[in-house]
Protein backbone atom coordinates (compact mmCIF):
# COMPACT_ATOMS: atom_id res chain seq x y z
CA MET A 1 111.64 80.14 84.65
CA GLU A 2 115.53 80.73 85.99
CA PRO A 3 116.35 77.27 87.95
CA LEU A 4 116.85 77.92 91.89
CA SER A 5 120.07 76.90 93.53
CA LYS A 6 119.97 74.46 96.93
CA VAL A 7 119.89 77.16 99.24
CA GLN A 8 117.97 79.60 97.15
CA GLN A 9 115.44 75.93 96.78
CA GLU A 10 115.33 75.50 101.05
CA LEU A 11 114.27 78.74 101.37
CA PHE A 12 111.86 79.15 98.57
CA ASP A 13 110.14 75.58 100.08
CA TRP A 14 110.21 76.63 104.01
CA LEU A 15 108.22 80.07 102.72
CA VAL A 16 105.36 77.90 100.77
CA GLU A 17 105.57 75.62 103.91
CA TYR A 18 105.54 78.89 106.31
CA ILE A 19 103.11 80.68 104.11
CA GLU A 20 100.33 77.81 102.86
CA ARG A 21 100.67 76.25 107.02
CA TYR A 22 100.35 79.96 108.71
CA GLN A 23 97.96 82.06 106.42
CA HIS A 24 101.11 85.29 106.66
CA ALA A 25 104.61 86.14 105.20
CA PRO A 26 107.12 85.19 107.66
CA SER A 27 109.61 88.12 108.86
CA ILE A 28 112.97 88.38 108.71
CA ARG A 29 114.43 87.01 111.91
CA GLN A 30 111.89 83.93 111.17
CA MET A 31 113.86 82.89 107.98
CA MET A 32 116.89 83.45 110.01
CA GLN A 33 115.03 80.75 112.25
CA GLY A 34 114.74 78.76 109.80
CA MET A 35 117.81 79.31 107.44
CA LYS A 36 119.48 78.65 111.01
CA LEU A 37 121.66 81.37 110.20
CA LYS A 38 123.43 84.82 112.49
CA SER A 39 122.44 86.93 109.96
CA PRO A 40 119.80 88.46 108.01
CA ALA A 41 122.33 89.81 104.84
CA PRO A 42 122.18 85.42 103.42
CA VAL A 43 118.60 86.12 103.39
CA GLN A 44 117.86 89.28 102.57
CA SER A 45 120.13 87.82 99.54
CA ARG A 46 118.08 85.16 99.16
CA LEU A 47 114.90 86.81 98.92
CA ASP A 48 116.68 89.37 95.89
CA HIS A 49 118.00 85.81 93.60
CA LEU A 50 114.59 84.52 94.05
CA ARG A 51 112.46 87.65 93.28
CA LYS A 52 114.30 88.10 90.36
CA LYS A 53 114.18 84.82 89.13
CA GLY A 54 110.51 84.77 89.73
CA TYR A 55 109.39 82.92 92.05
CA VAL A 56 108.61 85.62 95.23
CA ASP A 57 107.46 89.39 95.03
CA TRP A 58 106.57 91.96 97.93
CA GLU A 59 105.55 95.56 98.79
CA VAL A 60 108.39 97.84 99.22
CA GLY A 61 108.71 99.44 102.58
CA GLN A 62 105.92 97.52 103.98
CA ALA A 63 106.21 94.40 106.73
CA ARG A 64 104.75 90.89 105.95
CA THR A 65 103.84 91.43 102.16
CA LEU A 66 106.01 88.29 100.82
CA ARG A 67 103.88 86.88 98.42
CA ILE A 68 105.26 83.64 96.32
CA VAL A 69 104.39 83.41 92.62
CA HIS A 70 105.79 81.17 91.19
CA PRO A 71 103.38 79.37 89.27
CA SER A 72 102.90 76.35 90.82
CA PHE A 73 101.52 77.00 94.28
CA ASP A 74 97.59 79.07 94.05
CA GLN A 75 97.83 82.60 95.90
CA ALA A 76 93.86 82.97 95.40
CA ASP A 77 92.61 82.97 98.25
CA THR A 78 94.91 85.23 99.83
CA ALA A 79 93.49 87.96 101.24
CA SER A 80 94.86 91.55 101.86
CA ILE A 81 93.36 92.84 105.65
CA PRO A 82 94.61 96.16 105.72
CA ILE A 83 95.64 97.97 108.49
CA LEU A 84 93.67 101.30 109.28
CA GLY A 85 95.77 102.15 112.37
CA GLU A 86 95.74 101.75 116.03
CA ILE A 87 92.65 101.49 118.59
CA ALA A 88 92.60 101.97 122.39
CA ALA A 89 92.37 99.85 124.79
CA GLY A 90 92.27 102.39 127.46
CA GLY A 91 91.49 105.69 126.80
CA LEU A 92 89.70 106.32 123.73
CA ILE A 93 92.21 107.46 120.12
CA GLU A 94 90.56 108.81 116.52
CA PRO A 95 91.97 105.99 113.90
CA PHE A 96 92.35 106.23 110.80
CA THR A 97 90.42 106.41 107.48
CA GLU A 98 93.71 105.31 105.17
CA ALA A 99 95.34 101.57 105.06
CA LEU A 100 98.61 102.19 106.97
CA ASP A 101 99.92 98.31 106.01
CA SER A 102 98.36 95.70 105.53
CA LEU A 103 97.75 92.06 107.02
CA ALA A 104 98.88 88.51 103.87
CA LEU A 105 96.02 86.09 105.58
CA SER A 106 93.89 83.41 104.24
CA SER A 107 90.47 84.88 102.89
CA GLN A 108 88.37 82.07 103.40
CA GLN A 109 88.76 82.24 107.36
CA TRP A 110 87.48 86.40 107.58
CA PRO A 111 84.53 88.15 106.74
CA SER A 112 84.43 90.00 103.20
CA GLN A 113 85.47 93.93 104.29
CA SER A 114 87.31 93.06 107.56
CA TYR A 115 89.72 95.21 108.64
CA ALA A 116 92.61 95.71 110.88
CA LEU A 117 93.59 97.85 113.49
CA ARG A 118 96.75 98.10 116.44
CA VAL A 119 95.71 97.85 120.02
CA ASN A 120 97.23 100.85 121.88
CA GLY A 121 96.49 99.85 126.22
CA ASP A 122 96.27 97.26 128.15
CA SER A 123 92.86 96.99 129.44
CA MET A 124 91.86 94.03 127.16
CA ILE A 125 94.09 92.08 128.91
CA ASP A 126 92.02 89.66 130.32
CA ALA A 127 90.61 88.96 127.07
CA HIS A 128 93.94 87.82 125.75
CA ILE A 129 94.48 91.51 123.58
CA THR A 130 97.29 93.15 124.28
CA ASP A 131 98.75 96.28 123.54
CA GLY A 132 100.94 96.20 119.77
CA ASP A 133 98.59 93.40 119.57
CA ILE A 134 96.59 93.45 115.29
CA VAL A 135 92.78 93.27 116.55
CA ILE A 136 91.09 92.16 113.27
CA LEU A 137 87.10 93.52 113.30
CA ARG A 138 84.09 92.09 111.02
CA PRO A 139 82.45 96.48 109.31
CA VAL A 140 79.13 95.85 111.31
CA THR A 141 76.30 97.03 109.87
CA GLU A 142 73.37 96.34 111.63
CA PRO A 143 73.92 97.14 114.99
CA LYS A 144 70.94 96.21 116.71
CA GLN A 145 72.11 91.69 116.33
CA ILE A 146 75.01 92.72 117.86
CA LYS A 147 74.57 90.34 121.12
CA ASN A 148 75.96 91.31 124.92
CA GLY A 149 79.27 90.72 124.96
CA THR A 150 80.63 91.19 121.72
CA ILE A 151 84.04 92.16 121.52
CA VAL A 152 83.22 95.62 118.98
CA ALA A 153 85.25 98.61 118.44
CA ALA A 154 82.63 101.49 119.45
CA ARG A 155 83.43 104.65 118.29
CA VAL A 156 82.57 107.80 121.08
CA GLU A 157 80.81 110.58 119.76
CA GLY A 158 83.17 113.58 120.03
CA GLU A 159 86.25 110.89 121.76
CA GLY A 160 87.34 108.62 119.40
CA THR A 161 86.94 104.54 119.61
CA THR A 162 87.92 101.91 121.49
CA LEU A 163 87.68 98.32 121.91
CA LYS A 164 85.71 97.34 124.39
CA ARG A 165 82.85 94.62 125.07
CA PHE A 166 79.07 96.49 124.29
CA PHE A 167 76.28 95.51 126.35
CA HIS A 168 72.73 97.41 125.35
CA GLN A 169 70.98 98.76 129.08
CA ARG A 170 67.50 100.52 128.05
CA GLY A 171 68.36 102.83 125.75
CA LYS A 172 72.07 103.30 127.15
CA VAL A 173 75.29 101.57 125.89
CA VAL A 174 78.36 99.92 128.93
CA LEU A 175 81.36 99.74 126.55
CA GLU A 176 83.52 97.07 129.80
CA ALA A 177 87.25 96.77 129.92
CA ALA A 178 89.12 93.30 130.58
CA ASN A 179 90.65 94.63 132.72
CA ASP A 180 89.42 95.12 136.97
CA ASN A 181 91.81 98.34 136.29
CA TYR A 182 88.59 100.24 134.07
CA GLN A 183 85.84 101.23 134.50
CA PRO A 184 82.71 100.61 132.91
CA MET A 185 81.65 103.27 129.95
CA ASN A 186 78.31 104.03 130.52
CA LEU A 187 77.43 106.15 127.84
CA PRO A 188 73.65 106.64 126.18
CA ALA A 189 73.32 104.03 123.14
CA THR A 190 72.86 107.67 120.29
CA GLN A 191 76.90 108.74 121.10
CA VAL A 192 78.07 105.37 120.26
CA GLU A 193 78.75 104.42 117.22
CA ILE A 194 80.17 100.24 116.88
CA GLN A 195 81.43 99.64 113.42
CA GLY A 196 83.54 96.40 113.94
CA SER A 197 83.18 93.56 115.73
CA LEU A 198 85.63 91.67 116.28
CA VAL A 199 86.57 88.01 114.37
CA GLY A 200 90.38 87.70 115.47
CA ILE A 201 93.74 88.42 117.00
CA TRP A 202 96.68 89.20 114.40
CA ARG A 203 100.12 88.85 116.61
CA SER A 204 104.03 89.18 116.58
CA TYR A 205 106.58 87.68 118.48
CA LEU A 206 109.41 89.22 117.79
């Protein structure tokens, strides 16, 4: 494998440390900060050299898909979690069924078949879930086992999908926001399908 220049090695070492620590790829801006650079051009140039020399790779046109491919770095435990669209933290939104993007995260940290949705709205802010966050969800196969108070992705028949706290009460389902500005949704249980339960939140500070 072709050796790296000093600045290329510096970026590569930083990338390895970052991905091992956070279990996802950094943004260009974070690389600029890590390398103490004021422009993205030098970062992109170094990334291009790392890719040509076989140290890293990424999916063109997809954010945060950079991965280390150097033989000394084991990414066998990294999973790609599909982002399937948006979920309402307010009203109701019909999500997509095909992945629009993906997150590269540790496969040991997240349950099998996990998927992600981008939050639209502020109804869950008191649960520390804000507009623009990405929520990671576990598919629900046994809805009756969901405990009251669990944050879920709930599909309301004929309406769409929303992110709310789940409560089951005598044949009815209450979908409750974590924001006093929103009223609870009281619905017949037959009209609600629990599609996923919350297992994590991913947030970008850029």
